[in-house]
Amino acid sequence: MAITCSAGTIVEALAHDPGSFDLILLDLLIPGTDPPENVRKLKAAFPEKPIVVLTSEERTVWEVQMCRAGVQAYLTKNDQRRIIKEVIKRVSRGEDLCKMRLAEMKVSAGAVPAENDEHRLKPTEKAILSLFVQELTLKQIGGKLCMTESAVGKTMARLRNEFNVKSNSGLILLLREMDLI
């Protein structure tokens, strides 16, 4: 592997000769740009070139958004070097690791039948999320579901932890991206 060209902006990247590189290694957060739009521009200019995002952003919601936008892999700068190297090799051979990762997330969240049902969204969790989307407070959700406000809050906290997101809105965004709610 070798770095054959680099760019500080998307505009600079779009000016490169497609014959001069085999893969695009993209930072997620380029100042003044929209990450999904960056992927769309690169895909339009270089449709045959795989894109791997390498970022310090570890929130799952970004991983899902980038995979949905069309990248082939999502890596964080905290990943071990050997993993980064292996992922880049696999993507350069034509593997789409994002498709596999999204399918894995859907199975673990219960969007499709899983062999191990303990990782599926439970009916109570789905009911809480459904009411939360309707902008009800935790207390209102608890009242509708005959639960305490504390139990609803703990359920939301557990789901945020399970899906590696920091906020309830991030959880909702991620689950919508995964077509679970």
N, C-alpha and C. Protein backbone atom coordinates (compact mmCIF):
# COMPACT_ATOMS: atom_id res chain seq x y z
N MET A 1 0.84 -1.18 0.00
CA MET A 1 0.00 0.00 0.00
C MET A 1 0.88 1.23 0.00
N ALA A 2 0.38 2.24 -0.70
CA ALA A 2 1.09 3.51 -0.73
C ALA A 2 0.09 4.64 -0.94
N ILE A 3 0.36 5.77 -0.34
CA ILE A 3 -0.45 6.95 -0.57
C ILE A 3 0.08 7.57 -1.86
N THR A 4 -0.79 7.66 -2.86
CA THR A 4 -0.35 8.16 -4.17
C THR A 4 -0.75 9.61 -4.41
N CYS A 5 -1.75 10.09 -3.68
CA CYS A 5 -2.16 11.49 -3.80
C CYS A 5 -2.96 11.86 -2.57
N SER A 6 -3.08 13.16 -2.34
CA SER A 6 -3.86 13.62 -1.19
C SER A 6 -4.53 14.93 -1.55
N ALA A 7 -5.53 15.29 -0.74
CA ALA A 7 -6.25 16.53 -0.97
C ALA A 7 -6.70 17.09 0.37
N GLY A 8 -6.71 18.39 0.48
CA GLY A 8 -7.16 19.04 1.70
C GLY A 8 -8.63 19.37 1.70
N THR A 9 -9.23 19.33 0.49
CA THR A 9 -10.66 19.64 0.35
C THR A 9 -11.29 18.66 -0.64
N ILE A 10 -12.59 18.62 -0.64
CA ILE A 10 -13.30 17.77 -1.61
C ILE A 10 -13.05 18.28 -3.03
N VAL A 11 -13.03 19.59 -3.20
CA VAL A 11 -12.77 20.17 -4.54
C VAL A 11 -11.41 19.70 -5.06
N GLU A 12 -10.40 19.73 -4.19
CA GLU A 12 -9.07 19.24 -4.60
C GLU A 12 -9.12 17.75 -4.94
N ALA A 13 -9.85 16.99 -4.16
CA ALA A 13 -9.95 15.55 -4.40
C ALA A 13 -10.60 15.27 -5.76
N LEU A 14 -11.63 16.04 -6.09
CA LEU A 14 -12.34 15.82 -7.34
C LEU A 14 -11.47 16.13 -8.56
N ALA A 15 -10.40 16.89 -8.38
CA ALA A 15 -9.51 17.25 -9.48
C ALA A 15 -8.49 16.16 -9.81
N HIS A 16 -8.39 15.13 -8.98
CA HIS A 16 -7.39 14.08 -9.21
C HIS A 16 -7.78 13.17 -10.36
N ASP A 17 -6.76 12.65 -11.03
CA ASP A 17 -6.94 11.69 -12.11
C ASP A 17 -7.34 10.35 -11.49
N PRO A 18 -8.49 9.77 -11.91
CA PRO A 18 -8.92 8.50 -11.31
C PRO A 18 -7.93 7.35 -11.50
N GLY A 19 -7.05 7.47 -12.46
CA GLY A 19 -6.04 6.43 -12.67
C GLY A 19 -4.90 6.50 -11.69
N SER A 20 -4.86 7.56 -10.88
CA SER A 20 -3.73 7.74 -9.97
C SER A 20 -3.95 7.12 -8.59
N PHE A 21 -5.13 6.53 -8.37
CA PHE A 21 -5.40 5.92 -7.07
C PHE A 21 -6.41 4.79 -7.21
N ASP A 22 -6.43 3.90 -6.21
CA ASP A 22 -7.33 2.75 -6.22
C ASP A 22 -8.45 2.84 -5.20
N LEU A 23 -8.27 3.67 -4.17
CA LEU A 23 -9.20 3.73 -3.05
C LEU A 23 -9.17 5.14 -2.47
N ILE A 24 -10.31 5.58 -1.95
CA ILE A 24 -10.39 6.90 -1.31
C ILE A 24 -10.46 6.69 0.20
N LEU A 25 -9.53 7.29 0.92
CA LEU A 25 -9.54 7.29 2.38
C LEU A 25 -10.02 8.67 2.79
N LEU A 26 -11.23 8.75 3.35
CA LEU A 26 -11.91 10.02 3.58
C LEU A 26 -12.07 10.32 5.07
N ASP A 27 -11.71 11.53 5.45
CA ASP A 27 -11.99 11.99 6.81
C ASP A 27 -13.47 12.33 6.87
N LEU A 28 -14.12 12.04 7.96
CA LEU A 28 -15.55 12.29 8.09
C LEU A 28 -15.87 13.78 8.15
N LEU A 29 -15.21 14.49 9.04
CA LEU A 29 -15.57 15.87 9.31
C LEU A 29 -14.57 16.83 8.69
N ILE A 30 -14.85 17.22 7.45
CA ILE A 30 -14.05 18.22 6.75
C ILE A 30 -14.74 19.56 6.98
N PRO A 31 -14.05 20.54 7.54
CA PRO A 31 -14.69 21.82 7.87
C PRO A 31 -15.47 22.42 6.69
N GLY A 32 -16.68 22.88 6.99
CA GLY A 32 -17.51 23.56 6.00
C GLY A 32 -18.19 22.64 5.00
N THR A 33 -18.19 21.33 5.27
CA THR A 33 -18.81 20.39 4.33
C THR A 33 -19.78 19.47 5.05
N ASP A 34 -20.60 18.80 4.27
CA ASP A 34 -21.57 17.84 4.79
C ASP A 34 -21.08 16.43 4.45
N PRO A 35 -20.82 15.58 5.45
CA PRO A 35 -20.24 14.26 5.18
C PRO A 35 -20.99 13.43 4.13
N PRO A 36 -22.34 13.25 4.23
CA PRO A 36 -23.00 12.46 3.18
C PRO A 36 -22.88 13.09 1.79
N GLU A 37 -22.89 14.41 1.72
CA GLU A 37 -22.74 15.10 0.44
C GLU A 37 -21.34 14.88 -0.12
N ASN A 38 -20.33 14.86 0.74
CA ASN A 38 -18.97 14.57 0.29
C ASN A 38 -18.90 13.20 -0.38
N VAL A 39 -19.55 12.23 0.23
CA VAL A 39 -19.55 10.88 -0.34
C VAL A 39 -20.27 10.89 -1.69
N ARG A 40 -21.42 11.56 -1.77
CA ARG A 40 -22.15 11.63 -3.04
C ARG A 40 -21.29 12.24 -4.15
N LYS A 41 -20.59 13.31 -3.84
CA LYS A 41 -19.73 13.96 -4.84
C LYS A 41 -18.61 13.04 -5.29
N LEU A 42 -17.97 12.38 -4.34
CA LEU A 42 -16.88 11.46 -4.69
C LEU A 42 -17.39 10.27 -5.49
N LYS A 43 -18.56 9.74 -5.11
CA LYS A 43 -19.15 8.61 -5.84
C LYS A 43 -19.50 9.02 -7.27
N ALA A 44 -20.01 10.25 -7.44
CA ALA A 44 -20.37 10.72 -8.79
C ALA A 44 -19.12 10.88 -9.66
N ALA A 45 -18.06 11.39 -9.08
CA ALA A 45 -16.83 11.62 -9.84
C ALA A 45 -16.01 10.35 -10.07
N PHE A 46 -16.05 9.46 -9.08
CA PHE A 46 -15.24 8.23 -9.13
C PHE A 46 -16.09 7.02 -8.78
N PRO A 47 -17.05 6.66 -9.62
CA PRO A 47 -18.01 5.60 -9.26
C PRO A 47 -17.39 4.23 -9.00
N GLU A 48 -16.26 3.97 -9.55
CA GLU A 48 -15.63 2.66 -9.39
C GLU A 48 -14.68 2.60 -8.19
N LYS A 49 -14.44 3.71 -7.55
CA LYS A 49 -13.46 3.75 -6.46
C LYS A 49 -14.15 3.53 -5.11
N PRO A 50 -13.69 2.56 -4.33
CA PRO A 50 -14.25 2.37 -3.00
C PRO A 50 -13.82 3.49 -2.05
N ILE A 51 -14.68 3.77 -1.07
CA ILE A 51 -14.40 4.82 -0.09
C ILE A 51 -14.37 4.21 1.30
N VAL A 52 -13.32 4.53 2.04
CA VAL A 52 -13.19 4.12 3.43
C VAL A 52 -13.12 5.40 4.26
N VAL A 53 -14.01 5.53 5.24
CA VAL A 53 -13.97 6.67 6.16
C VAL A 53 -13.03 6.31 7.30
N LEU A 54 -12.11 7.23 7.61
CA LEU A 54 -11.21 7.09 8.76
C LEU A 54 -11.38 8.36 9.59
N THR A 55 -11.90 8.21 10.80
CA THR A 55 -12.28 9.37 11.60
C THR A 55 -12.05 9.12 13.08
N SER A 56 -12.09 10.18 13.84
CA SER A 56 -12.04 10.03 15.30
C SER A 56 -13.45 9.93 15.87
N GLU A 57 -14.47 10.10 15.04
CA GLU A 57 -15.87 10.06 15.46
C GLU A 57 -16.32 8.61 15.63
N GLU A 58 -16.63 8.23 16.87
CA GLU A 58 -16.97 6.84 17.16
C GLU A 58 -18.47 6.58 17.30
N ARG A 59 -19.30 7.60 17.18
CA ARG A 59 -20.74 7.39 17.35
C ARG A 59 -21.30 6.56 16.21
N THR A 60 -22.09 5.57 16.55
CA THR A 60 -22.67 4.65 15.59
C THR A 60 -23.55 5.37 14.58
N VAL A 61 -24.18 6.45 14.99
CA VAL A 61 -25.06 7.18 14.09
C VAL A 61 -24.28 7.65 12.85
N TRP A 62 -23.03 8.07 13.02
CA TRP A 62 -22.23 8.48 11.87
C TRP A 62 -21.86 7.28 11.00
N GLU A 63 -21.53 6.18 11.63
CA GLU A 63 -21.20 4.98 10.87
C GLU A 63 -22.38 4.58 9.98
N VAL A 64 -23.57 4.58 10.54
CA VAL A 64 -24.76 4.22 9.76
C VAL A 64 -24.98 5.21 8.63
N GLN A 65 -24.88 6.51 8.92
CA GLN A 65 -25.09 7.50 7.87
C GLN A 65 -24.09 7.34 6.73
N MET A 66 -22.85 7.10 7.05
CA MET A 66 -21.83 6.97 6.01
C MET A 66 -22.01 5.68 5.21
N CYS A 67 -22.37 4.61 5.90
CA CYS A 67 -22.62 3.35 5.19
C CYS A 67 -23.81 3.51 4.25
N ARG A 68 -24.84 4.18 4.72
CA ARG A 68 -26.02 4.43 3.88
C ARG A 68 -25.67 5.34 2.70
N ALA A 69 -24.71 6.24 2.89
CA ALA A 69 -24.31 7.15 1.82
C ALA A 69 -23.51 6.43 0.74
N GLY A 70 -22.94 5.26 1.08
CA GLY A 70 -22.27 4.47 0.06
C GLY A 70 -20.81 4.16 0.28
N VAL A 71 -20.27 4.44 1.48
CA VAL A 71 -18.88 4.05 1.71
C VAL A 71 -18.81 2.53 1.93
N GLN A 72 -17.63 1.98 1.74
CA GLN A 72 -17.47 0.54 1.88
C GLN A 72 -16.98 0.12 3.26
N ALA A 73 -16.43 1.07 4.04
CA ALA A 73 -15.98 0.75 5.40
C ALA A 73 -15.88 2.03 6.21
N TYR A 74 -16.02 1.86 7.51
CA TYR A 74 -15.96 2.98 8.45
C TYR A 74 -15.00 2.59 9.56
N LEU A 75 -13.91 3.31 9.67
CA LEU A 75 -12.89 3.03 10.67
C LEU A 75 -12.71 4.23 11.59
N THR A 76 -12.33 3.97 12.82
CA THR A 76 -12.00 5.07 13.71
C THR A 76 -10.50 5.09 13.94
N LYS A 77 -10.01 6.26 14.28
CA LYS A 77 -8.57 6.42 14.51
C LYS A 77 -8.11 5.67 15.75
N ASN A 78 -9.06 5.20 16.56
CA ASN A 78 -8.72 4.39 17.72
C ASN A 78 -8.59 2.91 17.37
N ASP A 79 -9.00 2.53 16.16
CA ASP A 79 -8.84 1.14 15.74
C ASP A 79 -7.35 0.80 15.67
N GLN A 80 -7.04 -0.46 15.94
CA GLN A 80 -5.64 -0.89 15.88
C GLN A 80 -5.14 -0.80 14.43
N ARG A 81 -3.87 -0.48 14.29
CA ARG A 81 -3.28 -0.32 12.94
C ARG A 81 -3.47 -1.56 12.07
N ARG A 82 -3.33 -2.73 12.68
CA ARG A 82 -3.49 -3.96 11.89
C ARG A 82 -4.92 -4.09 11.37
N ILE A 83 -5.90 -3.63 12.14
CA ILE A 83 -7.30 -3.68 11.70
C ILE A 83 -7.51 -2.69 10.57
N ILE A 84 -6.97 -1.48 10.71
CA ILE A 84 -7.09 -0.48 9.65
C ILE A 84 -6.49 -1.02 8.36
N LYS A 85 -5.32 -1.60 8.47
CA LYS A 85 -4.63 -2.15 7.29
C LYS A 85 -5.45 -3.28 6.66
N GLU A 86 -5.97 -4.18 7.48
CA GLU A 86 -6.75 -5.31 6.97
C GLU A 86 -8.03 -4.84 6.29
N VAL A 87 -8.71 -3.88 6.90
CA VAL A 87 -9.95 -3.36 6.30
C VAL A 87 -9.66 -2.71 4.95
N ILE A 88 -8.62 -1.92 4.87
CA ILE A 88 -8.27 -1.28 3.60
C ILE A 88 -7.95 -2.33 2.55
N LYS A 89 -7.23 -3.38 2.91
CA LYS A 89 -6.93 -4.46 1.97
C LYS A 89 -8.21 -5.14 1.48
N ARG A 90 -9.11 -5.44 2.41
CA ARG A 90 -10.35 -6.12 2.04
C ARG A 90 -11.22 -5.26 1.13
N VAL A 91 -11.32 -3.98 1.43
CA VAL A 91 -12.10 -3.08 0.59
C VAL A 91 -11.46 -2.95 -0.79
N SER A 92 -10.14 -2.88 -0.84
CA SER A 92 -9.46 -2.75 -2.13
C SER A 92 -9.65 -4.02 -2.98
N ARG A 93 -9.96 -5.14 -2.34
CA ARG A 93 -10.25 -6.39 -3.07
C ARG A 93 -11.72 -6.49 -3.48
N GLY A 94 -12.51 -5.48 -3.11
CA GLY A 94 -13.90 -5.45 -3.54
C GLY A 94 -14.94 -5.75 -2.47
N GLU A 95 -14.54 -5.95 -1.23
CA GLU A 95 -15.51 -6.24 -0.17
C GLU A 95 -16.19 -4.96 0.29
N ASP A 96 -17.49 -5.05 0.52
CA ASP A 96 -18.25 -3.92 1.07
C ASP A 96 -18.56 -4.26 2.52
N LEU A 97 -17.70 -3.81 3.42
CA LEU A 97 -17.84 -4.13 4.83
C LEU A 97 -19.00 -3.39 5.47
N CYS A 98 -19.40 -2.27 4.89
CA CYS A 98 -20.55 -1.53 5.43
C CYS A 98 -21.84 -2.31 5.25
N LYS A 99 -22.02 -2.94 4.11
CA LYS A 99 -23.24 -3.73 3.90
C LYS A 99 -23.34 -4.83 4.94
N MET A 100 -22.20 -5.47 5.21
CA MET A 100 -22.20 -6.53 6.22
C MET A 100 -22.47 -5.95 7.60
N ARG A 101 -21.90 -4.79 7.91
CA ARG A 101 -22.07 -4.18 9.23
C ARG A 101 -23.52 -3.74 9.45
N LEU A 102 -24.15 -3.15 8.44
CA LEU A 102 -25.55 -2.73 8.57
C LEU A 102 -26.45 -3.95 8.77
N ALA A 103 -26.18 -5.02 8.04
CA ALA A 103 -26.97 -6.24 8.21
C ALA A 103 -26.79 -6.80 9.61
N GLU A 104 -25.57 -6.75 10.12
CA GLU A 104 -25.27 -7.23 11.47
C GLU A 104 -26.02 -6.39 12.52
N MET A 105 -26.06 -5.07 12.33
CA MET A 105 -26.77 -4.19 13.25
C MET A 105 -28.26 -4.49 13.25
N LYS A 106 -28.82 -4.72 12.08
CA LYS A 106 -30.25 -5.00 11.99
C LYS A 106 -30.59 -6.30 12.70
N VAL A 107 -29.75 -7.30 12.53
CA VAL A 107 -29.99 -8.58 13.20
C VAL A 107 -29.92 -8.40 14.71
N SER A 108 -28.89 -7.69 15.20
CA SER A 108 -28.74 -7.55 16.65
C SER A 108 -29.85 -6.69 17.25
N ALA A 109 -30.43 -5.80 16.46
CA ALA A 109 -31.50 -4.94 16.97
C ALA A 109 -32.88 -5.55 16.77
N GLY A 110 -32.95 -6.65 16.09
CA GLY A 110 -34.23 -7.33 15.93
C GLY A 110 -35.01 -6.95 14.70
N ALA A 111 -34.38 -6.29 13.73
CA ALA A 111 -35.09 -5.94 12.50
C ALA A 111 -35.35 -7.19 11.66
N VAL A 112 -34.49 -8.17 11.80
CA VAL A 112 -34.68 -9.45 11.13
C VAL A 112 -34.48 -10.53 12.17
N PRO A 113 -35.01 -11.72 11.96
CA PRO A 113 -34.84 -12.76 12.96
C PRO A 113 -33.36 -13.04 13.25
N ALA A 114 -33.05 -13.18 14.49
CA ALA A 114 -31.69 -13.50 14.89
C ALA A 114 -31.69 -14.82 15.64
N GLU A 115 -30.54 -15.49 15.58
CA GLU A 115 -30.44 -16.76 16.30
C GLU A 115 -30.51 -16.54 17.80
N ASN A 116 -29.95 -15.43 18.27
CA ASN A 116 -29.93 -15.12 19.69
C ASN A 116 -30.91 -13.98 19.96
N ASP A 117 -32.08 -14.29 20.48
CA ASP A 117 -33.13 -13.29 20.67
C ASP A 117 -32.85 -12.29 21.78
N GLU A 118 -31.83 -12.50 22.61
CA GLU A 118 -31.61 -11.58 23.71
C GLU A 118 -31.17 -10.20 23.24
N HIS A 119 -30.72 -10.05 22.00
CA HIS A 119 -30.29 -8.76 21.48
C HIS A 119 -31.35 -8.06 20.64
N ARG A 120 -32.54 -8.60 20.58
CA ARG A 120 -33.60 -7.98 19.80
C ARG A 120 -34.29 -6.88 20.59
N LEU A 121 -34.86 -5.90 19.86
CA LEU A 121 -35.67 -4.89 20.55
C LEU A 121 -36.91 -5.58 21.10
N LYS A 122 -37.17 -5.36 22.36
CA LYS A 122 -38.33 -5.97 23.00
C LYS A 122 -39.56 -5.12 22.73
N PRO A 123 -40.75 -5.71 22.82
CA PRO A 123 -41.98 -4.94 22.58
C PRO A 123 -42.07 -3.67 23.44
N THR A 124 -41.65 -3.76 24.71
CA THR A 124 -41.69 -2.59 25.58
C THR A 124 -40.74 -1.51 25.08
N GLU A 125 -39.55 -1.91 24.62
CA GLU A 125 -38.59 -0.95 24.08
C GLU A 125 -39.16 -0.27 22.84
N LYS A 126 -39.76 -1.06 21.98
CA LYS A 126 -40.37 -0.50 20.76
C LYS A 126 -41.49 0.47 21.13
N ALA A 127 -42.29 0.14 22.14
CA ALA A 127 -43.38 1.02 22.56
C ALA A 127 -42.82 2.33 23.13
N ILE A 128 -41.78 2.24 23.94
CA ILE A 128 -41.16 3.45 24.50
C ILE A 128 -40.63 4.33 23.38
N LEU A 129 -39.91 3.73 22.45
CA LEU A 129 -39.33 4.49 21.34
C LEU A 129 -40.41 5.13 20.48
N SER A 130 -41.48 4.39 20.25
CA SER A 130 -42.59 4.91 19.45
C SER A 130 -43.20 6.15 20.11
N LEU A 131 -43.38 6.10 21.41
CA LEU A 131 -43.94 7.24 22.13
C LEU A 131 -42.94 8.40 22.23
N PHE A 132 -41.66 8.06 22.35
CA PHE A 132 -40.63 9.10 22.41
C PHE A 132 -40.58 9.87 21.10
N VAL A 133 -40.74 9.17 19.98
CA VAL A 133 -40.76 9.81 18.67
C VAL A 133 -41.93 10.80 18.58
N GLN A 134 -43.01 10.51 19.29
CA GLN A 134 -44.17 11.40 19.31
C GLN A 134 -43.96 12.59 20.24
N GLU A 135 -42.73 12.72 20.76
CA GLU A 135 -42.32 13.84 21.60
C GLU A 135 -42.97 13.86 22.98
N LEU A 136 -43.33 12.68 23.48
CA LEU A 136 -43.83 12.60 24.85
C LEU A 136 -42.64 12.63 25.81
N THR A 137 -42.87 13.14 27.00
CA THR A 137 -41.82 13.14 28.02
C THR A 137 -41.71 11.73 28.61
N LEU A 138 -40.63 11.50 29.34
CA LEU A 138 -40.45 10.20 29.97
C LEU A 138 -41.60 9.92 30.95
N LYS A 139 -42.04 10.94 31.64
CA LYS A 139 -43.14 10.79 32.59
C LYS A 139 -44.43 10.41 31.84
N GLN A 140 -44.70 11.07 30.71
CA GLN A 140 -45.90 10.76 29.92
C GLN A 140 -45.83 9.35 29.35
N ILE A 141 -44.64 8.96 28.88
CA ILE A 141 -44.46 7.60 28.34
C ILE A 141 -44.72 6.58 29.44
N GLY A 142 -44.16 6.84 30.62
CA GLY A 142 -44.37 5.94 31.75
C GLY A 142 -45.84 5.80 32.09
N GLY A 143 -46.56 6.92 32.08
CA GLY A 143 -48.00 6.89 32.37
C GLY A 143 -48.77 6.06 31.36
N LYS A 144 -48.43 6.18 30.10
CA LYS A 144 -49.14 5.43 29.06
C LYS A 144 -48.84 3.94 29.12
N LEU A 145 -47.60 3.60 29.57
CA LEU A 145 -47.19 2.19 29.57
C LEU A 145 -47.21 1.56 30.97
N CYS A 146 -47.77 2.27 31.94
CA CYS A 146 -47.81 1.78 33.33
C CYS A 146 -46.42 1.45 33.86
N MET A 147 -45.50 2.38 33.61
CA MET A 147 -44.13 2.24 34.08
C MET A 147 -43.77 3.51 34.84
N THR A 148 -42.73 3.42 35.66
CA THR A 148 -42.26 4.63 36.31
C THR A 148 -41.41 5.44 35.33
N GLU A 149 -41.32 6.72 35.57
CA GLU A 149 -40.47 7.58 34.76
C GLU A 149 -39.03 7.08 34.80
N SER A 150 -38.60 6.61 35.97
CA SER A 150 -37.25 6.08 36.15
C SER A 150 -37.01 4.85 35.27
N ALA A 151 -37.98 3.96 35.20
CA ALA A 151 -37.83 2.74 34.38
C ALA A 151 -37.73 3.10 32.89
N VAL A 152 -38.51 4.09 32.47
CA VAL A 152 -38.44 4.53 31.07
C VAL A 152 -37.06 5.13 30.80
N GLY A 153 -36.58 5.97 31.72
CA GLY A 153 -35.27 6.58 31.56
C GLY A 153 -34.15 5.56 31.53
N LYS A 154 -34.25 4.55 32.39
CA LYS A 154 -33.23 3.49 32.40
C LYS A 154 -33.23 2.69 31.11
N THR A 155 -34.43 2.44 30.57
CA THR A 155 -34.53 1.71 29.30
C THR A 155 -33.86 2.52 28.19
N MET A 156 -34.15 3.82 28.14
CA MET A 156 -33.54 4.67 27.12
C MET A 156 -32.01 4.71 27.29
N ALA A 157 -31.54 4.78 28.52
CA ALA A 157 -30.10 4.81 28.79
C ALA A 157 -29.44 3.50 28.34
N ARG A 158 -30.10 2.38 28.62
CA ARG A 158 -29.56 1.08 28.20
C ARG A 158 -29.49 0.99 26.68
N LEU A 159 -30.53 1.47 26.00
CA LEU A 159 -30.53 1.43 24.53
C LEU A 159 -29.45 2.35 23.95
N ARG A 160 -29.27 3.53 24.56
CA ARG A 160 -28.20 4.43 24.10
C ARG A 160 -26.85 3.75 24.23
N ASN A 161 -26.65 3.08 25.36
CA ASN A 161 -25.40 2.37 25.59
C ASN A 161 -25.23 1.21 24.60
N GLU A 162 -26.29 0.45 24.40
CA GLU A 162 -26.25 -0.70 23.51
C GLU A 162 -25.94 -0.29 22.07
N PHE A 163 -26.49 0.86 21.64
CA PHE A 163 -26.27 1.31 20.27
C PHE A 163 -25.16 2.35 20.17
N ASN A 164 -24.47 2.58 21.30
CA ASN A 164 -23.29 3.45 21.33
C ASN A 164 -23.59 4.87 20.83
N VAL A 165 -24.67 5.45 21.35
CA VAL A 165 -25.00 6.84 21.05
C VAL A 165 -25.11 7.61 22.35
N LYS A 166 -24.93 8.92 22.30
CA LYS A 166 -24.87 9.72 23.52
C LYS A 166 -26.19 10.38 23.90
N SER A 167 -27.12 10.50 22.96
CA SER A 167 -28.36 11.21 23.27
C SER A 167 -29.57 10.41 22.78
N ASN A 168 -30.73 10.73 23.35
CA ASN A 168 -31.96 10.09 22.89
C ASN A 168 -32.25 10.44 21.43
N SER A 169 -31.98 11.68 21.05
CA SER A 169 -32.22 12.05 19.65
C SER A 169 -31.27 11.30 18.72
N GLY A 170 -30.03 11.09 19.16
CA GLY A 170 -29.09 10.29 18.37
C GLY A 170 -29.55 8.85 18.24
N LEU A 171 -30.12 8.31 19.32
CA LEU A 171 -30.66 6.95 19.29
C LEU A 171 -31.80 6.86 18.29
N ILE A 172 -32.71 7.82 18.33
CA ILE A 172 -33.84 7.82 17.41
C ILE A 172 -33.35 7.94 15.97
N LEU A 173 -32.39 8.83 15.73
CA LEU A 173 -31.84 8.99 14.38
C LEU A 173 -31.22 7.70 13.88
N LEU A 174 -30.44 7.05 14.73
CA LEU A 174 -29.80 5.79 14.36
C LEU A 174 -30.84 4.71 14.05
N LEU A 175 -31.82 4.56 14.90
CA LEU A 175 -32.84 3.53 14.69
C LEU A 175 -33.68 3.82 13.45
N ARG A 176 -33.89 5.09 13.15
CA ARG A 176 -34.58 5.44 11.90
C ARG A 176 -33.71 5.08 10.70
N GLU A 177 -32.42 5.38 10.80
CA GLU A 177 -31.49 5.05 9.71
C GLU A 177 -31.46 3.54 9.47
N MET A 178 -31.64 2.78 10.54
CA MET A 178 -31.63 1.32 10.42
C MET A 178 -33.00 0.76 10.08
N ASP A 179 -33.97 1.65 9.87
CA ASP A 179 -35.36 1.25 9.55
C ASP A 179 -36.01 0.42 10.64
N LEU A 180 -35.68 0.73 11.90
CA LEU A 180 -36.26 -0.01 13.01
C LEU A 180 -37.45 0.72 13.62
N ILE A 181 -37.54 2.01 13.40
CA ILE A 181 -38.69 2.77 13.90
C ILE A 181 -39.12 3.75 12.81
